[in-house]
Amino acid sequence: MSKQEEYWHRNLRLVFGLLFIWGAVSFGCGILLHHYLDNYTLPGSHFPLGFWFAQQGSMLTFIVIVFFYAWRMNKLDHEFDVEEEQS
């Protein structure tokens, strides 16, 4: 496998892994498991946990994923010598 193919393969593996996590949190916790999660509440809150995941959890997870992706891709770019030049 060439260096370019390896870089692309690892990039796609990262993207699909992060999309799976986001889907599991937003669809899984917010829709499929909300009846189970509604039995619990966050400390100091009156909202059920399933409602929280549907409204806030998926958005916060997405924000964390964006920052993680940027950090991980910077490391991957450095590893394959394709990082952007700093001005």
PDB file of N, CA and C in Angstrom:
ATOM      1  N   MET A   1       0.854  -1.172   0.000  1.00  0.00           N
ATOM      2  CA  MET A   1       0.000   0.000   0.000  1.00  0.00           C
ATOM      3  C   MET A   1       0.905   1.242   0.000  1.00  0.00           C
ATOM      4  N   SER A   2       0.607   2.179  -0.881  1.00  0.00           N
ATOM      5  CA  SER A   2       1.421   3.391  -0.959  1.00  0.00           C
ATOM      6  C   SER A   2       1.154   4.291   0.248  1.00  0.00           C
ATOM      7  N   LYS A   3       2.037   5.259   0.413  1.00  0.00           N
ATOM      8  CA  LYS A   3       1.905   6.194   1.535  1.00  0.00           C
ATOM      9  C   LYS A   3       0.611   6.998   1.428  1.00  0.00           C
ATOM     10  N   GLN A   4       0.257   7.411   0.212  1.00  0.00           N
ATOM     11  CA  GLN A   4      -0.968   8.180   0.000  1.00  0.00           C
ATOM     12  C   GLN A   4      -2.210   7.330   0.286  1.00  0.00           C
ATOM     13  N   GLU A   5      -2.203   6.077  -0.133  1.00  0.00           N
ATOM     14  CA  GLU A   5      -3.337   5.185   0.132  1.00  0.00           C
ATOM     15  C   GLU A   5      -3.476   4.903   1.621  1.00  0.00           C
ATOM     16  N   GLU A   6      -2.352   4.733   2.317  1.00  0.00           N
ATOM     17  CA  GLU A   6      -2.385   4.493   3.765  1.00  0.00           C
ATOM     18  C   GLU A   6      -2.947   5.714   4.501  1.00  0.00           C
ATOM     19  N   TYR A   7      -2.527   6.904   4.083  1.00  0.00           N
ATOM     20  CA  TYR A   7      -3.040   8.144   4.679  1.00  0.00           C
ATOM     21  C   TYR A   7      -4.556   8.241   4.482  1.00  0.00           C
ATOM     22  N   TRP A   8      -5.012   7.991   3.271  1.00  0.00           N
ATOM     23  CA  TRP A   8      -6.434   8.084   2.968  1.00  0.00           C
ATOM     24  C   TRP A   8      -7.225   7.018   3.725  1.00  0.00           C
ATOM     25  N   HIS A   9      -6.684   5.809   3.810  1.00  0.00           N
ATOM     26  CA  HIS A   9      -7.355   4.722   4.528  1.00  0.00           C
ATOM     27  C   HIS A   9      -7.514   5.073   6.007  1.00  0.00           C
ATOM     28  N   ARG A  10      -6.462   5.610   6.617  1.00  0.00           N
ATOM     29  CA  ARG A  10      -6.543   5.965   8.036  1.00  0.00           C
ATOM     30  C   ARG A  10      -7.476   7.150   8.261  1.00  0.00           C
ATOM     31  N   ASN A  11      -7.527   8.094   7.319  1.00  0.00           N
ATOM     32  CA  ASN A  11      -8.451   9.218   7.411  1.00  0.00           C
ATOM     33  C   ASN A  11      -9.891   8.718   7.350  1.00  0.00           C
ATOM     34  N   LEU A  12     -10.190   7.867   6.403  1.00  0.00           N
ATOM     35  CA  LEU A  12     -11.555   7.335   6.287  1.00  0.00           C
ATOM     36  C   LEU A  12     -11.947   6.505   7.501  1.00  0.00           C
ATOM     37  N   ARG A  13     -11.017   5.723   8.022  1.00  0.00           N
ATOM     38  CA  ARG A  13     -11.303   4.916   9.211  1.00  0.00           C
ATOM     39  C   ARG A  13     -11.644   5.825  10.397  1.00  0.00           C
ATOM     40  N   LEU A  14     -10.915   6.933  10.519  1.00  0.00           N
ATOM     41  CA  LEU A  14     -11.202   7.894  11.586  1.00  0.00           C
ATOM     42  C   LEU A  14     -12.572   8.538  11.392  1.00  0.00           C
ATOM     43  N   VAL A  15     -12.867   8.969  10.174  1.00  0.00           N
ATOM     44  CA  VAL A  15     -14.155   9.622   9.889  1.00  0.00           C
ATOM     45  C   VAL A  15     -15.312   8.672  10.172  1.00  0.00           C
ATOM     46  N   PHE A  16     -15.235   7.441   9.680  1.00  0.00           N
ATOM     47  CA  PHE A  16     -16.333   6.500   9.892  1.00  0.00           C
ATOM     48  C   PHE A  16     -16.473   6.115  11.358  1.00  0.00           C
ATOM     49  N   GLY A  17     -15.367   6.004  12.070  1.00  0.00           N
ATOM     50  CA  GLY A  17     -15.436   5.719  13.505  1.00  0.00           C
ATOM     51  C   GLY A  17     -16.118   6.828  14.280  1.00  0.00           C
ATOM     52  N   LEU A  18     -15.767   8.077  13.950  1.00  0.00           N
ATOM     53  CA  LEU A  18     -16.380   9.210  14.643  1.00  0.00           C
ATOM     54  C   LEU A  18     -17.850   9.375  14.262  1.00  0.00           C
ATOM     55  N   LEU A  19     -18.185   9.111  12.999  1.00  0.00           N
ATOM     56  CA  LEU A  19     -19.596   9.164  12.604  1.00  0.00           C
ATOM     57  C   LEU A  19     -20.406   8.078  13.314  1.00  0.00           C
ATOM     58  N   PHE A  20     -19.793   6.919  13.508  1.00  0.00           N
ATOM     59  CA  PHE A  20     -20.479   5.853  14.239  1.00  0.00           C
ATOM     60  C   PHE A  20     -20.755   6.275  15.680  1.00  0.00           C
ATOM     61  N   ILE A  21     -19.764   6.888  16.317  1.00  0.00           N
ATOM     62  CA  ILE A  21     -19.956   7.355  17.699  1.00  0.00           C
ATOM     63  C   ILE A  21     -21.057   8.395  17.765  1.00  0.00           C
ATOM     64  N   TRP A  22     -21.035   9.364  16.849  1.00  0.00           N
ATOM     65  CA  TRP A  22     -22.053  10.403  16.834  1.00  0.00           C
ATOM     66  C   TRP A  22     -23.436   9.805  16.592  1.00  0.00           C
ATOM     67  N   GLY A  23     -23.532   8.858  15.666  1.00  0.00           N
ATOM     68  CA  GLY A  23     -24.812   8.206  15.401  1.00  0.00           C
ATOM     69  C   GLY A  23     -25.306   7.412  16.593  1.00  0.00           C
ATOM     70  N   ALA A  24     -24.379   6.722  17.272  1.00  0.00           N
ATOM     71  CA  ALA A  24     -24.767   5.936  18.439  1.00  0.00           C
ATOM     72  C   ALA A  24     -25.295   6.837  19.553  1.00  0.00           C
ATOM     73  N   VAL A  25     -24.659   7.974  19.745  1.00  0.00           N
ATOM     74  CA  VAL A  25     -25.110   8.888  20.800  1.00  0.00           C
ATOM     75  C   VAL A  25     -26.423   9.562  20.418  1.00  0.00           C
ATOM     76  N   SER A  26     -26.479  10.120  19.205  1.00  0.00           N
ATOM     77  CA  SER A  26     -27.679  10.883  18.842  1.00  0.00           C
ATOM     78  C   SER A  26     -28.869   9.987  18.545  1.00  0.00           C
ATOM     79  N   PHE A  27     -28.685   8.955  17.746  1.00  0.00           N
ATOM     80  CA  PHE A  27     -29.798   8.084  17.391  1.00  0.00           C
ATOM     81  C   PHE A  27     -30.051   7.041  18.475  1.00  0.00           C
ATOM     82  N   GLY A  28     -28.975   6.429  18.949  1.00  0.00           N
ATOM     83  CA  GLY A  28     -29.116   5.370  19.944  1.00  0.00           C
ATOM     84  C   GLY A  28     -29.645   5.869  21.273  1.00  0.00           C
ATOM     85  N   CYS A  29     -28.937   6.834  21.865  1.00  0.00           N
ATOM     86  CA  CYS A  29     -29.337   7.332  23.187  1.00  0.00           C
ATOM     87  C   CYS A  29     -30.535   8.260  23.118  1.00  0.00           C
ATOM     88  N   GLY A  30     -30.638   9.044  22.057  1.00  0.00           N
ATOM     89  CA  GLY A  30     -31.720  10.019  21.966  1.00  0.00           C
ATOM     90  C   GLY A  30     -33.035   9.440  21.492  1.00  0.00           C
ATOM     91  N   ILE A  31     -33.008   8.351  20.727  1.00  0.00           N
ATOM     92  CA  ILE A  31     -34.240   7.811  20.149  1.00  0.00           C
ATOM     93  C   ILE A  31     -34.502   6.373  20.603  1.00  0.00           C
ATOM     94  N   LEU A  32     -33.544   5.478  20.377  1.00  0.00           N
ATOM     95  CA  LEU A  32     -33.781   4.063  20.661  1.00  0.00           C
ATOM     96  C   LEU A  32     -33.814   3.740  22.151  1.00  0.00           C
ATOM     97  N   LEU A  33     -32.918   4.344  22.916  1.00  0.00           N
ATOM     98  CA  LEU A  33     -32.818   4.002  24.340  1.00  0.00           C
ATOM     99  C   LEU A  33     -33.455   5.036  25.261  1.00  0.00           C
ATOM    100  N   HIS A  34     -34.204   5.979  24.713  1.00  0.00           N
ATOM    101  CA  HIS A  34     -34.714   7.067  25.559  1.00  0.00           C
ATOM    102  C   HIS A  34     -35.683   6.566  26.625  1.00  0.00           C
ATOM    103  N   HIS A  35     -36.438   5.501  26.364  1.00  0.00           N
ATOM    104  CA  HIS A  35     -37.357   4.994  27.394  1.00  0.00           C
ATOM    105  C   HIS A  35     -36.577   4.473  28.600  1.00  0.00           C
ATOM    106  N   TYR A  36     -35.469   3.793  28.345  1.00  0.00           N
ATOM    107  CA  TYR A  36     -34.635   3.307  29.445  1.00  0.00           C
ATOM    108  C   TYR A  36     -33.930   4.464  30.143  1.00  0.00           C
ATOM    109  N   LEU A  37     -33.371   5.397  29.354  1.00  0.00           N
ATOM    110  CA  LEU A  37     -32.627   6.516  29.942  1.00  0.00           C
ATOM    111  C   LEU A  37     -33.524   7.502  30.670  1.00  0.00           C
ATOM    112  N   ASP A  38     -34.822   7.541  30.333  1.00  0.00           N
ATOM    113  CA  ASP A  38     -35.732   8.462  31.005  1.00  0.00           C
ATOM    114  C   ASP A  38     -35.967   8.095  32.474  1.00  0.00           C
ATOM    115  N   ASN A  39     -35.515   6.934  32.902  1.00  0.00           N
ATOM    116  CA  ASN A  39     -35.623   6.554  34.310  1.00  0.00           C
ATOM    117  C   ASN A  39     -34.600   7.290  35.174  1.00  0.00           C
ATOM    118  N   TYR A  40     -33.638   7.954  34.544  1.00  0.00           N
ATOM    119  CA  TYR A  40     -32.566   8.635  35.260  1.00  0.00           C
ATOM    120  C   TYR A  40     -32.588  10.119  34.920  1.00  0.00           C
ATOM    121  N   THR A  41     -32.058  10.924  35.831  1.00  0.00           N
ATOM    122  CA  THR A  41     -31.900  12.359  35.577  1.00  0.00           C
ATOM    123  C   THR A  41     -30.462  12.737  35.885  1.00  0.00           C
ATOM    124  N   LEU A  42     -30.017  13.840  35.285  1.00  0.00           N
ATOM    125  CA  LEU A  42     -28.696  14.366  35.603  1.00  0.00           C
ATOM    126  C   LEU A  42     -28.745  15.028  36.973  1.00  0.00           C
ATOM    127  N   PRO A  43     -27.661  14.992  37.722  1.00  0.00           N
ATOM    128  CA  PRO A  43     -27.656  15.652  39.034  1.00  0.00           C
ATOM    129  C   PRO A  43     -27.975  17.143  38.902  1.00  0.00           C
ATOM    130  N   GLY A  44     -28.889  17.613  39.713  1.00  0.00           N
ATOM    131  CA  GLY A  44     -29.276  19.015  39.700  1.00  0.00           C
ATOM    132  C   GLY A  44     -30.227  19.389  38.579  1.00  0.00           C
ATOM    133  N   SER A  45     -30.788  18.400  37.898  1.00  0.00           N
ATOM    134  CA  SER A  45     -31.682  18.671  36.778  1.00  0.00           C
ATOM    135  C   SER A  45     -32.981  17.903  36.972  1.00  0.00           C
ATOM    136  N   HIS A  46     -34.045  18.418  36.409  1.00  0.00           N
ATOM    137  CA  HIS A  46     -35.324  17.729  36.479  1.00  0.00           C
ATOM    138  C   HIS A  46     -35.665  17.053  35.159  1.00  0.00           C
ATOM    139  N   PHE A  47     -34.783  17.188  34.179  1.00  0.00           N
ATOM    140  CA  PHE A  47     -35.045  16.613  32.864  1.00  0.00           C
ATOM    141  C   PHE A  47     -34.563  15.171  32.808  1.00  0.00           C
ATOM    142  N   PRO A  48     -35.327  14.289  32.191  1.00  0.00           N
ATOM    143  CA  PRO A  48     -34.895  12.899  32.043  1.00  0.00           C
ATOM    144  C   PRO A  48     -33.636  12.811  31.167  1.00  0.00           C
ATOM    145  N   LEU A  49     -32.826  11.818  31.420  1.00  0.00           N
ATOM    146  CA  LEU A  49     -31.562  11.657  30.708  1.00  0.00           C
ATOM    147  C   LEU A  49     -31.778  11.424  29.211  1.00  0.00           C
ATOM    148  N   GLY A  50     -32.812  10.709  28.815  1.00  0.00           N
ATOM    149  CA  GLY A  50     -33.105  10.489  27.405  1.00  0.00           C
ATOM    150  C   GLY A  50     -33.411  11.787  26.686  1.00  0.00           C
ATOM    151  N   PHE A  51     -34.176  12.662  27.334  1.00  0.00           N
ATOM    152  CA  PHE A  51     -34.471  13.967  26.771  1.00  0.00           C
ATOM    153  C   PHE A  51     -33.193  14.793  26.642  1.00  0.00           C
ATOM    154  N   TRP A  52     -32.323  14.727  27.648  1.00  0.00           N
ATOM    155  CA  TRP A  52     -31.074  15.474  27.611  1.00  0.00           C
ATOM    156  C   TRP A  52     -30.213  15.029  26.437  1.00  0.00           C
ATOM    157  N   PHE A  53     -30.093  13.711  26.222  1.00  0.00           N
ATOM    158  CA  PHE A  53     -29.299  13.224  25.093  1.00  0.00           C
ATOM    159  C   PHE A  53     -29.895  13.668  23.762  1.00  0.00           C
ATOM    160  N   ALA A  54     -31.207  13.658  23.663  1.00  0.00           N
ATOM    161  CA  ALA A  54     -31.844  14.060  22.410  1.00  0.00           C
ATOM    162  C   ALA A  54     -31.644  15.546  22.139  1.00  0.00           C
ATOM    163  N   GLN A  55     -31.634  16.367  23.183  1.00  0.00           N
ATOM    164  CA  GLN A  55     -31.553  17.811  22.994  1.00  0.00           C
ATOM    165  C   GLN A  55     -30.132  18.359  23.074  1.00  0.00           C
ATOM    166  N   GLN A  56     -29.353  17.905  24.023  1.00  0.00           N
ATOM    167  CA  GLN A  56     -28.034  18.491  24.258  1.00  0.00           C
ATOM    168  C   GLN A  56     -26.883  17.529  23.990  1.00  0.00           C
ATOM    169  N   GLY A  57     -27.060  16.287  24.358  1.00  0.00           N
ATOM    170  CA  GLY A  57     -25.967  15.325  24.301  1.00  0.00           C
ATOM    171  C   GLY A  57     -25.398  15.120  22.915  1.00  0.00           C
ATOM    172  N   SER A  58     -26.254  15.032  21.915  1.00  0.00           N
ATOM    173  CA  SER A  58     -25.753  14.804  20.562  1.00  0.00           C
ATOM    174  C   SER A  58     -25.003  16.026  20.036  1.00  0.00           C
ATOM    175  N   MET A  59     -25.449  17.220  20.392  1.00  0.00           N
ATOM    176  CA  MET A  59     -24.741  18.433  19.950  1.00  0.00           C
ATOM    177  C   MET A  59     -23.381  18.561  20.640  1.00  0.00           C
ATOM    178  N   LEU A  60     -23.341  18.299  21.938  1.00  0.00           N
ATOM    179  CA  LEU A  60     -22.068  18.371  22.651  1.00  0.00           C
ATOM    180  C   LEU A  60     -21.108  17.297  22.173  1.00  0.00           C
ATOM    181  N   THR A  61     -21.637  16.121  21.890  1.00  0.00           N
ATOM    182  CA  THR A  61     -20.799  15.050  21.346  1.00  0.00           C
ATOM    183  C   THR A  61     -20.232  15.457  20.001  1.00  0.00           C
ATOM    184  N   PHE A  62     -21.036  16.094  19.158  1.00  0.00           N
ATOM    185  CA  PHE A  62     -20.566  16.546  17.852  1.00  0.00           C
ATOM    186  C   PHE A  62     -19.439  17.574  18.005  1.00  0.00           C
ATOM    187  N   ILE A  63     -19.564  18.493  18.934  1.00  0.00           N
ATOM    188  CA  ILE A  63     -18.524  19.497  19.153  1.00  0.00           C
ATOM    189  C   ILE A  63     -17.231  18.835  19.599  1.00  0.00           C
ATOM    190  N   VAL A  64     -17.317  17.881  20.509  1.00  0.00           N
ATOM    191  CA  VAL A  64     -16.129  17.154  20.968  1.00  0.00           C
ATOM    192  C   VAL A  64     -15.510  16.389  19.798  1.00  0.00           C
ATOM    193  N   ILE A  65     -16.334  15.788  18.960  1.00  0.00           N
ATOM    194  CA  ILE A  65     -15.833  15.035  17.810  1.00  0.00           C
ATOM    195  C   ILE A  65     -15.102  15.950  16.832  1.00  0.00           C
ATOM    196  N   VAL A  66     -15.622  17.159  16.599  1.00  0.00           N
ATOM    197  CA  VAL A  66     -14.960  18.100  15.681  1.00  0.00           C
ATOM    198  C   VAL A  66     -13.565  18.448  16.185  1.00  0.00           C
ATOM    199  N   PHE A  67     -13.443  18.759  17.476  1.00  0.00           N
ATOM    200  CA  PHE A  67     -12.129  19.093  18.022  1.00  0.00           C
ATOM    201  C   PHE A  67     -11.203  17.878  18.033  1.00  0.00           C
ATOM    202  N   PHE A  68     -11.737  16.704  18.351  1.00  0.00           N
ATOM    203  CA  PHE A  68     -10.912  15.496  18.333  1.00  0.00           C
ATOM    204  C   PHE A  68     -10.420  15.202  16.919  1.00  0.00           C
ATOM    205  N   TYR A  69     -11.302  15.357  15.927  1.00  0.00           N
ATOM    206  CA  TYR A  69     -10.909  15.116  14.540  1.00  0.00           C
ATOM    207  C   TYR A  69      -9.793  16.073  14.103  1.00  0.00           C
ATOM    208  N   ALA A  70      -9.910  17.349  14.445  1.00  0.00           N
ATOM    209  CA  ALA A  70      -8.875  18.317  14.081  1.00  0.00           C
ATOM    210  C   ALA A  70      -7.549  17.958  14.740  1.00  0.00           C
ATOM    211  N   TRP A  71      -7.582  17.604  16.016  1.00  0.00           N
ATOM    212  CA  TRP A  71      -6.361  17.225  16.734  1.00  0.00           C
ATOM    213  C   TRP A  71      -5.735  15.973  16.130  1.00  0.00           C
ATOM    214  N   ARG A  72      -6.580  14.962  15.874  1.00  0.00           N
ATOM    215  CA  ARG A  72      -6.061  13.694  15.342  1.00  0.00           C
ATOM    216  C   ARG A  72      -5.535  13.852  13.920  1.00  0.00           C
ATOM    217  N   MET A  73      -6.217  14.649  13.094  1.00  0.00           N
ATOM    218  CA  MET A  73      -5.747  14.849  11.726  1.00  0.00           C
ATOM    219  C   MET A  73      -4.447  15.645  11.695  1.00  0.00           C
ATOM    220  N   ASN A  74      -4.245  16.573  12.625  1.00  0.00           N
ATOM    221  CA  ASN A  74      -2.958  17.268  12.706  1.00  0.00           C
ATOM    222  C   ASN A  74      -1.833  16.287  12.994  1.00  0.00           C
ATOM    223  N   LYS A  75      -2.086  15.341  13.901  1.00  0.00           N
ATOM    224  CA  LYS A  75      -1.084  14.320  14.189  1.00  0.00           C
ATOM    225  C   LYS A  75      -0.843  13.428  12.975  1.00  0.00           C
ATOM    226  N   LEU A  76      -1.918  13.047  12.284  1.00  0.00           N
ATOM    227  CA  LEU A  76      -1.796  12.201  11.099  1.00  0.00           C
ATOM    228  C   LEU A  76      -1.079  12.945   9.972  1.00  0.00           C
ATOM    229  N   ASP A  77      -1.401  14.214   9.778  1.00  0.00           N
ATOM    230  CA  ASP A  77      -0.717  15.029   8.773  1.00  0.00           C
ATOM    231  C   ASP A  77       0.778  15.111   9.069  1.00  0.00           C
ATOM    232  N   HIS A  78       1.123  15.295  10.329  1.00  0.00           N
ATOM    233  CA  HIS A  78       2.530  15.367  10.715  1.00  0.00           C
ATOM    234  C   HIS A  78       3.226  14.023  10.471  1.00  0.00           C
ATOM    235  N   GLU A  79       2.536  12.949  10.778  1.00  0.00           N
ATOM    236  CA  GLU A  79       3.108  11.605  10.591  1.00  0.00           C
ATOM    237  C   GLU A  79       3.404  11.319   9.118  1.00  0.00           C
ATOM    238  N   PHE A  80       2.555  11.809   8.224  1.00  0.00           N
ATOM    239  CA  PHE A  80       2.721  11.548   6.786  1.00  0.00           C
ATOM    240  C   PHE A  80       3.350  12.744   6.060  1.00  0.00           C
ATOM    241  N   ASP A  81       3.836  13.727   6.774  1.00  0.00           N
ATOM    242  CA  ASP A  81       4.490  14.912   6.200  1.00  0.00           C
ATOM    243  C   ASP A  81       3.611  15.631   5.188  1.00  0.00           C
ATOM    244  N   VAL A  82       2.357  15.861   5.524  1.00  0.00           N
ATOM    245  CA  VAL A  82       1.452  16.607   4.642  1.00  0.00           C
ATOM    246  C   VAL A  82       0.803  17.776   5.383  1.00  0.00           C
ATOM    247  N   GLU A  83       1.454  18.211   6.491  1.00  0.00           N
ATOM    248  CA  GLU A  83       0.846  19.307   7.256  1.00  0.00           C
ATOM    249  C   GLU A  83       0.964  20.611   6.496  1.00  0.00           C
ATOM    250  N   GLU A  84       0.067  21.523   6.826  1.00  0.00           N
ATOM    251  CA  GLU A  84       0.049  22.831   6.193  1.00  0.00           C
ATOM    252  C   GLU A  84       1.195  23.687   6.727  1.00  0.00           C
ATOM    253  N   GLU A  85       1.703  24.565   5.872  1.00  0.00           N
ATOM    254  CA  GLU A  85       2.766  25.458   6.299  1.00  0.00           C
ATOM    255  C   GLU A  85       2.192  26.560   7.188  1.00  0.00           C
ATOM    256  N   GLN A  86       2.925  26.895   8.241  1.00  0.00           N
ATOM    257  CA  GLN A  86       2.525  27.975   9.146  1.00  0.00           C
ATOM    258  C   GLN A  86       3.105  29.281   8.639  1.00  0.00           C
ATOM    259  N   SER A  87       2.303  30.349   8.613  1.00  0.00           N
ATOM    260  CA  SER A  87       2.833  31.646   8.167  1.00  0.00           C
ATOM    261  C   SER A  87       3.132  32.543   9.319  1.00  0.00           C
TER     262      SER A  87
END
